[in-house]
Amino acid sequence: MRRSLALAALALVTTCLTASAKDAPNPPALLLLELPDVTSDFAAEVTLTNLELRLLSDSGATDRTKERRNEKAEKDIKGLQEDYDKALKRELEDVQKDIAKLEDKIEKVDKKLEKVSGDNLVKYAEVRDELKTEKDALAAFKGILERYKKYGTGVDASLPEALIGRKAPDFSLSPPTGEAATLAVLGDKAFGILVFFSADNSDSVANFKALVSQMRSQKDVTVYGIDVGHSAEEWTTVGKGLDSLPVLLDTDRKVATAYHVAFVPQVVLLDADRDVAAVFVGSSSQARRGLGTAITAVRKAQKDDD
């Protein structure tokens, strides 16, 4: 996983990784690779805690109950932040060790290059180029980890969480074949789920497929995938094997921008009023479980209100 993430990271625009908080784009630049699992886990936990607080705030609970839960949530999130900081520190240390090992290998190959000629010279030059590419990729991945030591550092105002509790932005998108659809395509089901993914990112595709399968038994849930960046013509190549799934194409990425998508997959949960109830970024196991937990929590709150 780390290697594939690193190679994807190498293709990013360097300024996206090094921008300071005041220079951060709003909404964030579309990076379109998978969020590191450690960050995805942390974001999911915080999202669920905040969802619980929002539902509690709208409930008929006493002020004292709400106050106690807010105090507990504050401690919970502080604990999550401490665990996240430790986990991210370990991840950064591991990446740095891998970079050091690659630098050592490159140095050894360089010494070989000084002593060989002919076919061997070509062979060792190719090996060196491969090692250097891998090292540069890991360095780019390290940059991502460092920038996101705290989830969304520098772009807090434009994170997906900024959408929560608000009306979901409407859109007009076309499927690979057929007429354009709007948010109304979700019908009158109690829940709508929008999964932003990229057809040429295998991890986000696998996440989308798994989510469609997971929700198939949920009669009050409608799921649509939104592929970011591909045209209908490109879809004929990149979308092979996805023809049976409900997909809309966000070719110009405007909808992804409206939904503050920086990483794929991003799963947006909408309630019956089509307000944004929760957002999960990344494909970690906690993010996948979190969606089910969020749906259960909203269902319970709606039942209590009735």
C-alpha atoms as a PDB file:
ATOM      1  CA  MET A   1       0.000   0.000   0.000  1.00  0.00           C
ATOM      2  CA  ARG A   2       2.725   2.465   0.980  1.00  0.00           C
ATOM      3  CA  ARG A   3       4.598   1.854  -2.268  1.00  0.00           C
ATOM      4  CA  SER A   4       1.524   2.455  -4.449  1.00  0.00           C
ATOM      5  CA  LEU A   5       0.668   5.578  -2.481  1.00  0.00           C
ATOM      6  CA  ALA A   6       4.211   6.809  -2.808  1.00  0.00           C
ATOM      7  CA  LEU A   7       4.310   6.314  -6.560  1.00  0.00           C
ATOM      8  CA  ALA A   8       1.031   8.185  -6.881  1.00  0.00           C
ATOM      9  CA  ALA A   9       2.364  10.947  -4.681  1.00  0.00           C
ATOM     10  CA  LEU A  10       5.334  11.415  -6.992  1.00  0.00           C
ATOM     11  CA  ALA A  11       2.968  12.667  -9.678  1.00  0.00           C
ATOM     12  CA  LEU A  12       1.545  15.454  -7.493  1.00  0.00           C
ATOM     13  CA  VAL A  13       2.309  19.083  -8.046  1.00  0.00           C
ATOM     14  CA  THR A  14       4.999  19.956  -5.515  1.00  0.00           C
ATOM     15  CA  THR A  15       3.263  23.128  -4.403  1.00  0.00           C
ATOM     16  CA  CYS A  16       0.277  21.083  -3.235  1.00  0.00           C
ATOM     17  CA  LEU A  17       2.549  19.408  -0.703  1.00  0.00           C
ATOM     18  CA  THR A  18       4.459  22.410   0.551  1.00  0.00           C
ATOM     19  CA  ALA A  19       1.914  25.240   0.559  1.00  0.00           C
ATOM     20  CA  SER A  20       1.668  27.068   3.863  1.00  0.00           C
ATOM     21  CA  ALA A  21      -1.648  27.534   5.635  1.00  0.00           C
ATOM     22  CA  LYS A  22      -2.153  31.032   4.245  1.00  0.00           C
ATOM     23  CA  ASP A  23      -1.473  29.767   0.710  1.00  0.00           C
ATOM     24  CA  ALA A  24      -3.720  26.708   1.010  1.00  0.00           C
ATOM     25  CA  PRO A  25      -6.293  26.453  -1.810  1.00  0.00           C
ATOM     26  CA  ASN A  26      -9.974  26.785  -0.976  1.00  0.00           C
ATOM     27  CA  PRO A  27     -11.391  24.256  -1.667  1.00  0.00           C
ATOM     28  CA  PRO A  28      -8.213  22.142  -1.423  1.00  0.00           C
ATOM     29  CA  ALA A  29      -6.444  21.128  -4.609  1.00  0.00           C
ATOM     30  CA  LEU A  30      -7.652  17.805  -5.988  1.00  0.00           C
ATOM     31  CA  LEU A  31      -4.875  15.377  -5.131  1.00  0.00           C
ATOM     32  CA  LEU A  32      -6.904  12.302  -6.052  1.00  0.00           C
ATOM     33  CA  LEU A  33      -4.937   9.638  -4.315  1.00  0.00           C
ATOM     34  CA  GLU A  34      -5.740   7.660  -1.239  1.00  0.00           C
ATOM     35  CA  LEU A  35      -5.387   9.279   2.150  1.00  0.00           C
ATOM     36  CA  PRO A  36      -2.907   7.470   4.440  1.00  0.00           C
ATOM     37  CA  ASP A  37      -4.860   4.929   6.530  1.00  0.00           C
ATOM     38  CA  VAL A  38      -3.663   6.420   9.798  1.00  0.00           C
ATOM     39  CA  THR A  39      -5.218   9.776   8.826  1.00  0.00           C
ATOM     40  CA  SER A  40      -8.352   8.123   7.439  1.00  0.00           C
ATOM     41  CA  ASP A  41      -8.882   6.284  10.745  1.00  0.00           C
ATOM     42  CA  PHE A  42      -8.458   9.443  12.789  1.00  0.00           C
ATOM     43  CA  ALA A  43     -10.800  11.452  10.547  1.00  0.00           C
ATOM     44  CA  ALA A  44     -13.488   8.744  10.763  1.00  0.00           C
ATOM     45  CA  GLU A  45     -13.354   8.652  14.568  1.00  0.00           C
ATOM     46  CA  VAL A  46     -13.612  12.432  14.828  1.00  0.00           C
ATOM     47  CA  THR A  47     -16.468  12.476  12.289  1.00  0.00           C
ATOM     48  CA  LEU A  48     -18.475   9.939  14.330  1.00  0.00           C
ATOM     49  CA  THR A  49     -17.883  11.803  17.577  1.00  0.00           C
ATOM     50  CA  ASN A  50     -19.013  15.073  16.018  1.00  0.00           C
ATOM     51  CA  LEU A  51     -22.048  13.389  14.436  1.00  0.00           C
ATOM     52  CA  GLU A  52     -23.098  12.075  17.839  1.00  0.00           C
ATOM     53  CA  LEU A  53     -22.833  15.582  19.278  1.00  0.00           C
ATOM     54  CA  ARG A  54     -24.884  17.106  16.461  1.00  0.00           C
ATOM     55  CA  LEU A  55     -27.629  14.518  16.867  1.00  0.00           C
ATOM     56  CA  LEU A  56     -27.603  15.013  20.631  1.00  0.00           C
ATOM     57  CA  SER A  57     -27.842  18.782  20.210  1.00  0.00           C
ATOM     58  CA  ASP A  58     -30.988  18.372  18.088  1.00  0.00           C
ATOM     59  CA  SER A  59     -32.551  15.889  20.492  1.00  0.00           C
ATOM     60  CA  GLY A  60     -34.743  16.464  23.527  1.00  0.00           C
ATOM     61  CA  ALA A  61     -31.956  15.597  25.947  1.00  0.00           C
ATOM     62  CA  THR A  62     -31.467  17.854  28.962  1.00  0.00           C
ATOM     63  CA  ASP A  63     -28.885  20.608  28.898  1.00  0.00           C
ATOM     64  CA  ARG A  64     -26.899  18.794  31.604  1.00  0.00           C
ATOM     65  CA  THR A  65     -26.789  15.608  29.498  1.00  0.00           C
ATOM     66  CA  LYS A  66     -25.575  17.596  26.489  1.00  0.00           C
ATOM     67  CA  GLU A  67     -22.965  19.357  28.618  1.00  0.00           C
ATOM     68  CA  ARG A  68     -21.617  16.070  30.021  1.00  0.00           C
ATOM     69  CA  ARG A  69     -21.422  14.514  26.561  1.00  0.00           C
ATOM     70  CA  ASN A  70     -19.632  17.558  25.185  1.00  0.00           C
ATOM     71  CA  GLU A  71     -17.073  17.302  27.971  1.00  0.00           C
ATOM     72  CA  LYS A  72     -16.557  13.600  27.248  1.00  0.00           C
ATOM     73  CA  ALA A  73     -16.263  14.288  23.502  1.00  0.00           C
ATOM     74  CA  GLU A  74     -13.575  16.860  24.188  1.00  0.00           C
ATOM     75  CA  LYS A  75     -11.558  14.245  26.090  1.00  0.00           C
ATOM     76  CA  ASP A  76     -12.255  11.592  23.423  1.00  0.00           C
ATOM     77  CA  ILE A  77     -11.001  13.782  20.600  1.00  0.00           C
ATOM     78  CA  LYS A  78      -7.943  14.795  22.624  1.00  0.00           C
ATOM     79  CA  GLY A  79      -7.149  11.097  23.137  1.00  0.00           C
ATOM     80  CA  LEU A  80      -7.691  10.387  19.443  1.00  0.00           C
ATOM     81  CA  GLN A  81      -5.356  13.237  18.534  1.00  0.00           C
ATOM     82  CA  GLU A  82      -2.649  11.882  20.840  1.00  0.00           C
ATOM     83  CA  ASP A  83      -2.982   8.357  19.381  1.00  0.00           C
ATOM     84  CA  TYR A  84      -2.975   9.763  15.864  1.00  0.00           C
ATOM     85  CA  ASP A  85       0.145  11.833  16.486  1.00  0.00           C
ATOM     86  CA  LYS A  86       1.963   8.731  17.784  1.00  0.00           C
ATOM     87  CA  ALA A  87       0.822   6.563  14.866  1.00  0.00           C
ATOM     88  CA  LEU A  88       1.769   9.201  12.311  1.00  0.00           C
ATOM     89  CA  LYS A  89       5.159   9.654  13.956  1.00  0.00           C
ATOM     90  CA  ARG A  90       5.791   5.893  13.618  1.00  0.00           C
ATOM     91  CA  GLU A  91       4.719   5.977   9.980  1.00  0.00           C
ATOM     92  CA  LEU A  92       7.041   8.889   9.256  1.00  0.00           C
ATOM     93  CA  GLU A  93       9.926   7.108  10.970  1.00  0.00           C
ATOM     94  CA  ASP A  94       9.315   3.963   8.892  1.00  0.00           C
ATOM     95  CA  VAL A  95       9.225   5.969   5.653  1.00  0.00           C
ATOM     96  CA  GLN A  96      12.441   7.753   6.609  1.00  0.00           C
ATOM     97  CA  LYS A  97      14.146   4.380   7.270  1.00  0.00           C
ATOM     98  CA  ASP A  98      13.013   3.130   3.860  1.00  0.00           C
ATOM     99  CA  ILE A  99      14.401   6.263   2.215  1.00  0.00           C
ATOM    100  CA  ALA A 100      17.743   5.777   4.003  1.00  0.00           C
ATOM    101  CA  LYS A 101      17.923   2.154   2.794  1.00  0.00           C
ATOM    102  CA  LEU A 102      17.285   3.236  -0.778  1.00  0.00           C
ATOM    103  CA  GLU A 103      19.941   5.945  -0.524  1.00  0.00           C
ATOM    104  CA  ASP A 104      22.394   3.271   0.652  1.00  0.00           C
ATOM    105  CA  LYS A 105      21.516   1.033  -2.302  1.00  0.00           C
ATOM    106  CA  ILE A 106      21.901   3.946  -4.734  1.00  0.00           C
ATOM    107  CA  GLU A 107      25.349   4.704  -3.305  1.00  0.00           C
ATOM    108  CA  LYS A 108      26.415   1.083  -3.829  1.00  0.00           C
ATOM    109  CA  VAL A 109      25.131   1.085  -7.408  1.00  0.00           C
ATOM    110  CA  ASP A 110      26.991   4.343  -8.073  1.00  0.00           C
ATOM    111  CA  LYS A 111      30.226   2.660  -6.982  1.00  0.00           C
ATOM    112  CA  LYS A 112      29.503  -0.252  -9.331  1.00  0.00           C
ATOM    113  CA  LEU A 113      28.950   2.185 -12.196  1.00  0.00           C
ATOM    114  CA  GLU A 114      32.481   3.514 -11.736  1.00  0.00           C
ATOM    115  CA  LYS A 115      33.911   0.025 -12.374  1.00  0.00           C
ATOM    116  CA  VAL A 116      31.783  -1.404 -15.191  1.00  0.00           C
ATOM    117  CA  SER A 117      31.351  -0.756 -18.883  1.00  0.00           C
ATOM    118  CA  GLY A 118      29.308  -1.905 -21.878  1.00  0.00           C
ATOM    119  CA  ASP A 119      26.116  -3.841 -21.157  1.00  0.00           C
ATOM    120  CA  ASN A 120      26.796  -3.825 -17.424  1.00  0.00           C
ATOM    121  CA  LEU A 121      26.965  -0.043 -17.472  1.00  0.00           C
ATOM    122  CA  VAL A 122      23.493   0.120 -19.028  1.00  0.00           C
ATOM    123  CA  LYS A 123      22.165  -2.481 -16.607  1.00  0.00           C
ATOM    124  CA  TYR A 124      23.391  -0.718 -13.474  1.00  0.00           C
ATOM    125  CA  ALA A 125      22.264   2.667 -14.788  1.00  0.00           C
ATOM    126  CA  GLU A 126      18.723   1.269 -15.158  1.00  0.00           C
ATOM    127  CA  VAL A 127      18.844  -0.162 -11.628  1.00  0.00           C
ATOM    128  CA  ARG A 128      19.964   3.195 -10.287  1.00  0.00           C
ATOM    129  CA  ASP A 129      17.140   5.021 -12.075  1.00  0.00           C
ATOM    130  CA  GLU A 130      14.565   2.607 -10.625  1.00  0.00           C
ATOM    131  CA  LEU A 131      15.921   3.058  -7.107  1.00  0.00           C
ATOM    132  CA  LYS A 132      15.993   6.825  -7.480  1.00  0.00           C
ATOM    133  CA  THR A 133      12.376   6.850  -8.715  1.00  0.00           C
ATOM    134  CA  GLU A 134      11.291   4.785  -5.713  1.00  0.00           C
ATOM    135  CA  LYS A 135      13.212   7.045  -3.337  1.00  0.00           C
ATOM    136  CA  ASP A 136      11.678  10.194  -4.826  1.00  0.00           C
ATOM    137  CA  ALA A 137       8.230   8.605  -4.551  1.00  0.00           C
ATOM    138  CA  LEU A 138       8.721   7.819  -0.870  1.00  0.00           C
ATOM    139  CA  ALA A 139       9.990  11.342  -0.278  1.00  0.00           C
ATOM    140  CA  ALA A 140       6.792  12.711  -1.872  1.00  0.00           C
ATOM    141  CA  PHE A 141       4.682  10.393   0.295  1.00  0.00           C
ATOM    142  CA  LYS A 142       6.596  11.579   3.340  1.00  0.00           C
ATOM    143  CA  GLY A 143       5.665  15.120   2.332  1.00  0.00           C
ATOM    144  CA  ILE A 144       1.982  14.184   2.370  1.00  0.00           C
ATOM    145  CA  LEU A 145       2.296  12.617   5.819  1.00  0.00           C
ATOM    146  CA  GLU A 146       4.083  15.660   7.148  1.00  0.00           C
ATOM    147  CA  ARG A 147       1.537  18.085   5.764  1.00  0.00           C
ATOM    148  CA  TYR A 148      -1.345  16.103   7.210  1.00  0.00           C
ATOM    149  CA  LYS A 149       0.090  15.545  10.685  1.00  0.00           C
ATOM    150  CA  LYS A 150      -3.191  17.015  11.756  1.00  0.00           C
ATOM    151  CA  TYR A 151      -6.108  16.198   9.538  1.00  0.00           C
ATOM    152  CA  GLY A 152      -6.575  19.133   7.222  1.00  0.00           C
ATOM    153  CA  THR A 153      -3.887  21.357   8.704  1.00  0.00           C
ATOM    154  CA  GLY A 154      -3.957  24.660   6.887  1.00  0.00           C
ATOM    155  CA  VAL A 155      -7.209  24.033   5.016  1.00  0.00           C
ATOM    156  CA  ASP A 156      -9.666  23.648   7.914  1.00  0.00           C
ATOM    157  CA  ALA A 157     -12.236  26.014   6.410  1.00  0.00           C
ATOM    158  CA  SER A 158     -12.383  24.044   3.188  1.00  0.00           C
ATOM    159  CA  LEU A 159     -12.414  20.488   4.534  1.00  0.00           C
ATOM    160  CA  PRO A 160     -15.391  18.240   3.740  1.00  0.00           C
ATOM    161  CA  GLU A 161     -16.511  18.775   7.350  1.00  0.00           C
ATOM    162  CA  ALA A 162     -17.419  22.338   6.350  1.00  0.00           C
ATOM    163  CA  LEU A 163     -20.346  20.822   4.425  1.00  0.00           C
ATOM    164  CA  ILE A 164     -21.798  18.871   7.352  1.00  0.00           C
ATOM    165  CA  GLY A 165     -25.227  20.028   8.429  1.00  0.00           C
ATOM    166  CA  ARG A 166     -25.703  21.966   5.192  1.00  0.00           C
ATOM    167  CA  LYS A 167     -27.720  21.229   2.075  1.00  0.00           C
ATOM    168  CA  ALA A 168     -25.801  19.013  -0.312  1.00  0.00           C
ATOM    169  CA  PRO A 169     -24.674  20.980  -3.383  1.00  0.00           C
ATOM    170  CA  ASP A 170     -26.838  20.084  -6.379  1.00  0.00           C
ATOM    171  CA  PHE A 171     -25.283  19.079  -9.665  1.00  0.00           C
ATOM    172  CA  SER A 172     -25.983  18.039 -13.225  1.00  0.00           C
ATOM    173  CA  LEU A 173     -23.801  15.119 -14.298  1.00  0.00           C
ATOM    174  CA  SER A 174     -24.075  12.571 -17.053  1.00  0.00           C
ATOM    175  CA  PRO A 175     -23.553   8.834 -16.712  1.00  0.00           C
ATOM    176  CA  PRO A 176     -21.158   7.151 -19.170  1.00  0.00           C
ATOM    177  CA  THR A 177     -24.180   6.699 -21.446  1.00  0.00           C
ATOM    178  CA  GLY A 178     -27.535   8.403 -21.043  1.00  0.00           C
ATOM    179  CA  GLU A 179     -29.027  11.690 -19.931  1.00  0.00           C
ATOM    180  CA  ALA A 180     -27.719  14.043 -17.267  1.00  0.00           C
ATOM    181  CA  ALA A 181     -28.873  13.544 -13.677  1.00  0.00           C
ATOM    182  CA  THR A 182     -29.183  15.862 -10.680  1.00  0.00           C
ATOM    183  CA  LEU A 183     -29.166  15.218  -6.937  1.00  0.00           C
ATOM    184  CA  ALA A 184     -32.769  14.074  -7.397  1.00  0.00           C
ATOM    185  CA  VAL A 185     -31.380  10.863  -8.904  1.00  0.00           C
ATOM    186  CA  LEU A 186     -31.091   9.628  -5.309  1.00  0.00           C
ATOM    187  CA  GLY A 187     -34.887   9.466  -5.181  1.00  0.00           C
ATOM    188  CA  ASP A 188     -36.855   9.659  -1.942  1.00  0.00           C
ATOM    189  CA  LYS A 189     -34.842   7.122   0.039  1.00  0.00           C
ATOM    190  CA  ALA A 190     -34.010   7.986   3.653  1.00  0.00           C
ATOM    191  CA  PHE A 191     -30.299   8.073   2.821  1.00  0.00           C
ATOM    192  CA  GLY A 192     -28.266   8.987  -0.219  1.00  0.00           C
ATOM    193  CA  ILE A 193     -24.588   8.135  -0.543  1.00  0.00           C
ATOM    194  CA  LEU A 194     -22.224   9.800  -2.995  1.00  0.00           C
ATOM    195  CA  VAL A 195     -18.886   8.054  -3.472  1.00  0.00           C
ATOM    196  CA  PHE A 196     -16.245  10.193  -5.138  1.00  0.00           C
ATOM    197  CA  PHE A 197     -13.624   7.957  -6.746  1.00  0.00           C
ATOM    198  CA  SER A 198     -11.280   7.777  -9.703  1.00  0.00           C
ATOM    199  CA  ALA A 199     -11.537   4.868 -12.132  1.00  0.00           C
ATOM    200  CA  ASP A 200      -7.761   4.742 -12.548  1.00  0.00           C
ATOM    201  CA  ASN A 201      -7.197   4.502  -8.791  1.00  0.00           C
ATOM    202  CA  SER A 202      -7.678   0.817  -7.977  1.00  0.00           C
ATOM    203  CA  ASP A 203      -8.073   1.341  -4.228  1.00  0.00           C
ATOM    204  CA  SER A 204     -10.876   3.866  -4.609  1.00  0.00           C
ATOM    205  CA  VAL A 205     -12.604   1.628  -7.196  1.00  0.00           C
ATOM    206  CA  ALA A 206     -12.431  -1.360  -4.836  1.00  0.00           C
ATOM    207  CA  ASN A 207     -13.882   0.800  -2.057  1.00  0.00           C
ATOM    208  CA  PHE A 208     -16.773   1.927  -4.281  1.00  0.00           C
ATOM    209  CA  LYS A 209     -17.581  -1.644  -5.329  1.00  0.00           C
ATOM    210  CA  ALA A 210     -17.491  -2.872  -1.734  1.00  0.00           C
ATOM    211  CA  LEU A 211     -19.768  -0.065  -0.590  1.00  0.00           C
ATOM    212  CA  VAL A 212     -22.344  -0.766  -3.317  1.00  0.00           C
ATOM    213  CA  SER A 213     -22.334  -4.422  -2.292  1.00  0.00           C
ATOM    214  CA  GLN A 214     -22.536  -3.532   1.421  1.00  0.00           C
ATOM    215  CA  MET A 215     -25.556  -1.262   0.903  1.00  0.00           C
ATOM    216  CA  ARG A 216     -27.457  -3.537  -1.468  1.00  0.00           C
ATOM    217  CA  SER A 217     -29.524  -4.970   1.392  1.00  0.00           C
ATOM    218  CA  GLN A 218     -30.347  -1.514   2.779  1.00  0.00           C
ATOM    219  CA  LYS A 219     -33.726  -0.712   1.244  1.00  0.00           C
ATOM    220  CA  ASP A 220     -33.694   2.916   2.367  1.00  0.00           C
ATOM    221  CA  VAL A 221     -30.275   3.749   0.896  1.00  0.00           C
ATOM    222  CA  THR A 222     -29.340   4.847  -2.626  1.00  0.00           C
ATOM    223  CA  VAL A 223     -25.682   4.836  -3.691  1.00  0.00           C
ATOM    224  CA  TYR A 224     -24.110   6.648  -6.642  1.00  0.00           C
ATOM    225  CA  GLY A 225     -20.467   6.797  -7.588  1.00  0.00           C
ATOM    226  CA  ILE A 226     -19.014  10.003  -9.018  1.00  0.00           C
ATOM    227  CA  ASP A 227     -15.899   9.442 -11.081  1.00  0.00           C
ATOM    228  CA  VAL A 228     -13.647  12.478 -10.942  1.00  0.00           C
ATOM    229  CA  GLY A 229     -11.894  13.727 -14.050  1.00  0.00           C
ATOM    230  CA  HIS A 230     -12.803  11.296 -16.841  1.00  0.00           C
ATOM    231  CA  SER A 231     -14.836  11.989 -19.951  1.00  0.00           C
ATOM    232  CA  ALA A 232     -17.336   9.556 -21.476  1.00  0.00           C
ATOM    233  CA  GLU A 233     -14.755   8.721 -24.130  1.00  0.00           C
ATOM    234  CA  GLU A 234     -12.063   7.990 -21.543  1.00  0.00           C
ATOM    235  CA  TRP A 235     -14.552   5.933 -19.533  1.00  0.00           C
ATOM    236  CA  THR A 236     -14.721   3.314 -22.286  1.00  0.00           C
ATOM    237  CA  THR A 237     -11.139   2.440 -21.322  1.00  0.00           C
ATOM    238  CA  VAL A 238     -10.794   3.244 -17.619  1.00  0.00           C
ATOM    239  CA  GLY A 239     -14.317   2.178 -16.675  1.00  0.00           C
ATOM    240  CA  LYS A 240     -14.128  -1.423 -17.845  1.00  0.00           C
ATOM    241  CA  GLY A 241     -15.831  -3.739 -15.367  1.00  0.00           C
ATOM    242  CA  LEU A 242     -17.865  -0.913 -13.831  1.00  0.00           C
ATOM    243  CA  ASP A 243     -20.676  -0.767 -16.389  1.00  0.00           C
ATOM    244  CA  SER A 244     -23.225  -2.362 -14.052  1.00  0.00           C
ATOM    245  CA  LEU A 245     -22.635   0.175 -11.274  1.00  0.00           C
ATOM    246  CA  PRO A 246     -24.462   3.511 -10.837  1.00  0.00           C
ATOM    247  CA  VAL A 247     -21.845   6.034 -11.961  1.00  0.00           C
ATOM    248  CA  LEU A 248     -21.905   9.706 -12.948  1.00  0.00           C
ATOM    249  CA  LEU A 249     -18.961  11.467 -14.591  1.00  0.00           C
ATOM    250  CA  ASP A 250     -17.548  14.665 -13.101  1.00  0.00           C
ATOM    251  CA  THR A 251     -15.333  15.372 -16.087  1.00  0.00           C
ATOM    252  CA  ASP A 252     -14.437  18.983 -15.224  1.00  0.00           C
ATOM    253  CA  ARG A 253     -14.183  18.224 -11.478  1.00  0.00           C
ATOM    254  CA  LYS A 254     -16.557  21.032 -10.566  1.00  0.00           C
ATOM    255  CA  VAL A 255     -18.769  18.811  -8.419  1.00  0.00           C
ATOM    256  CA  ALA A 256     -15.730  17.360  -6.646  1.00  0.00           C
ATOM    257  CA  THR A 257     -14.652  20.918  -5.912  1.00  0.00           C
ATOM    258  CA  ALA A 258     -18.103  21.803  -4.560  1.00  0.00           C
ATOM    259  CA  TYR A 259     -17.908  18.771  -2.249  1.00  0.00           C
ATOM    260  CA  HIS A 260     -14.348  19.684  -1.134  1.00  0.00           C
ATOM    261  CA  VAL A 261     -12.801  16.486  -2.485  1.00  0.00           C
ATOM    262  CA  ALA A 262      -9.037  16.355  -2.016  1.00  0.00           C
ATOM    263  CA  PHE A 263      -8.537  12.589  -1.684  1.00  0.00           C
ATOM    264  CA  VAL A 264     -10.374   9.578  -3.057  1.00  0.00           C
ATOM    265  CA  PRO A 265     -12.413   7.789  -2.070  1.00  0.00           C
ATOM    266  CA  GLN A 266     -14.596  10.340  -0.314  1.00  0.00           C
ATOM    267  CA  VAL A 267     -17.966   9.069   0.893  1.00  0.00           C
ATOM    268  CA  VAL A 268     -20.692  11.637   1.551  1.00  0.00           C
ATOM    269  CA  LEU A 269     -23.745  10.544   3.554  1.00  0.00           C
ATOM    270  CA  LEU A 270     -26.943  12.545   2.956  1.00  0.00           C
ATOM    271  CA  ASP A 271     -30.039  12.311   5.133  1.00  0.00           C
ATOM    272  CA  ALA A 272     -33.682  12.350   4.005  1.00  0.00           C
ATOM    273  CA  ASP A 273     -33.629  16.153   3.683  1.00  0.00           C
ATOM    274  CA  ARG A 274     -30.465  15.829   1.583  1.00  0.00           C
ATOM    275  CA  ASP A 275     -28.409  17.596   4.206  1.00  0.00           C
ATOM    276  CA  VAL A 276     -24.850  16.334   4.581  1.00  0.00           C
ATOM    277  CA  ALA A 277     -24.876  14.080   7.658  1.00  0.00           C
ATOM    278  CA  ALA A 278     -21.272  12.807   7.552  1.00  0.00           C
ATOM    279  CA  VAL A 279     -18.201  12.608   5.328  1.00  0.00           C
ATOM    280  CA  PHE A 280     -15.608   9.822   5.340  1.00  0.00           C
ATOM    281  CA  VAL A 281     -12.312  10.200   3.525  1.00  0.00           C
ATOM    282  CA  GLY A 282      -9.994   7.322   2.626  1.00  0.00           C
ATOM    283  CA  SER A 283     -10.578   3.597   2.522  1.00  0.00           C
ATOM    284  CA  SER A 284      -9.316   2.485   5.918  1.00  0.00           C
ATOM    285  CA  SER A 285     -11.372  -0.153   7.729  1.00  0.00           C
ATOM    286  CA  GLN A 286     -12.510   2.440  10.273  1.00  0.00           C
ATOM    287  CA  ALA A 287     -13.809   4.721   7.514  1.00  0.00           C
ATOM    288  CA  ARG A 288     -15.808   1.819   6.032  1.00  0.00           C
ATOM    289  CA  ARG A 289     -17.238   0.828   9.421  1.00  0.00           C
ATOM    290  CA  GLY A 290     -17.900   4.459  10.246  1.00  0.00           C
ATOM    291  CA  LEU A 291     -20.411   4.836   7.439  1.00  0.00           C
ATOM    292  CA  GLY A 292     -22.572   2.020   8.824  1.00  0.00           C
ATOM    293  CA  THR A 293     -22.283   3.464  12.325  1.00  0.00           C
ATOM    294  CA  ALA A 294     -23.340   6.900  11.070  1.00  0.00           C
ATOM    295  CA  ILE A 295     -26.413   5.511   9.272  1.00  0.00           C
ATOM    296  CA  THR A 296     -27.453   3.615  12.407  1.00  0.00           C
ATOM    297  CA  ALA A 297     -27.021   6.736  14.555  1.00  0.00           C
ATOM    298  CA  VAL A 298     -29.115   8.918  12.215  1.00  0.00           C
ATOM    299  CA  ARG A 299     -31.824   6.237  11.981  1.00  0.00           C
ATOM    300  CA  LYS A 300     -32.019   6.050  15.786  1.00  0.00           C
ATOM    301  CA  ALA A 301     -32.219   9.833  16.113  1.00  0.00           C
ATOM    302  CA  GLN A 302     -35.019   9.983  13.544  1.00  0.00           C
ATOM    303  CA  LYS A 303     -36.906   7.211  15.345  1.00  0.00           C
ATOM    304  CA  ASP A 304     -36.534   8.996  18.687  1.00  0.00           C
ATOM    305  CA  ASP A 305     -37.879  12.205  17.138  1.00  0.00           C
ATOM    306  CA  ASP A 306     -40.922  10.352  15.806  1.00  0.00           C
END
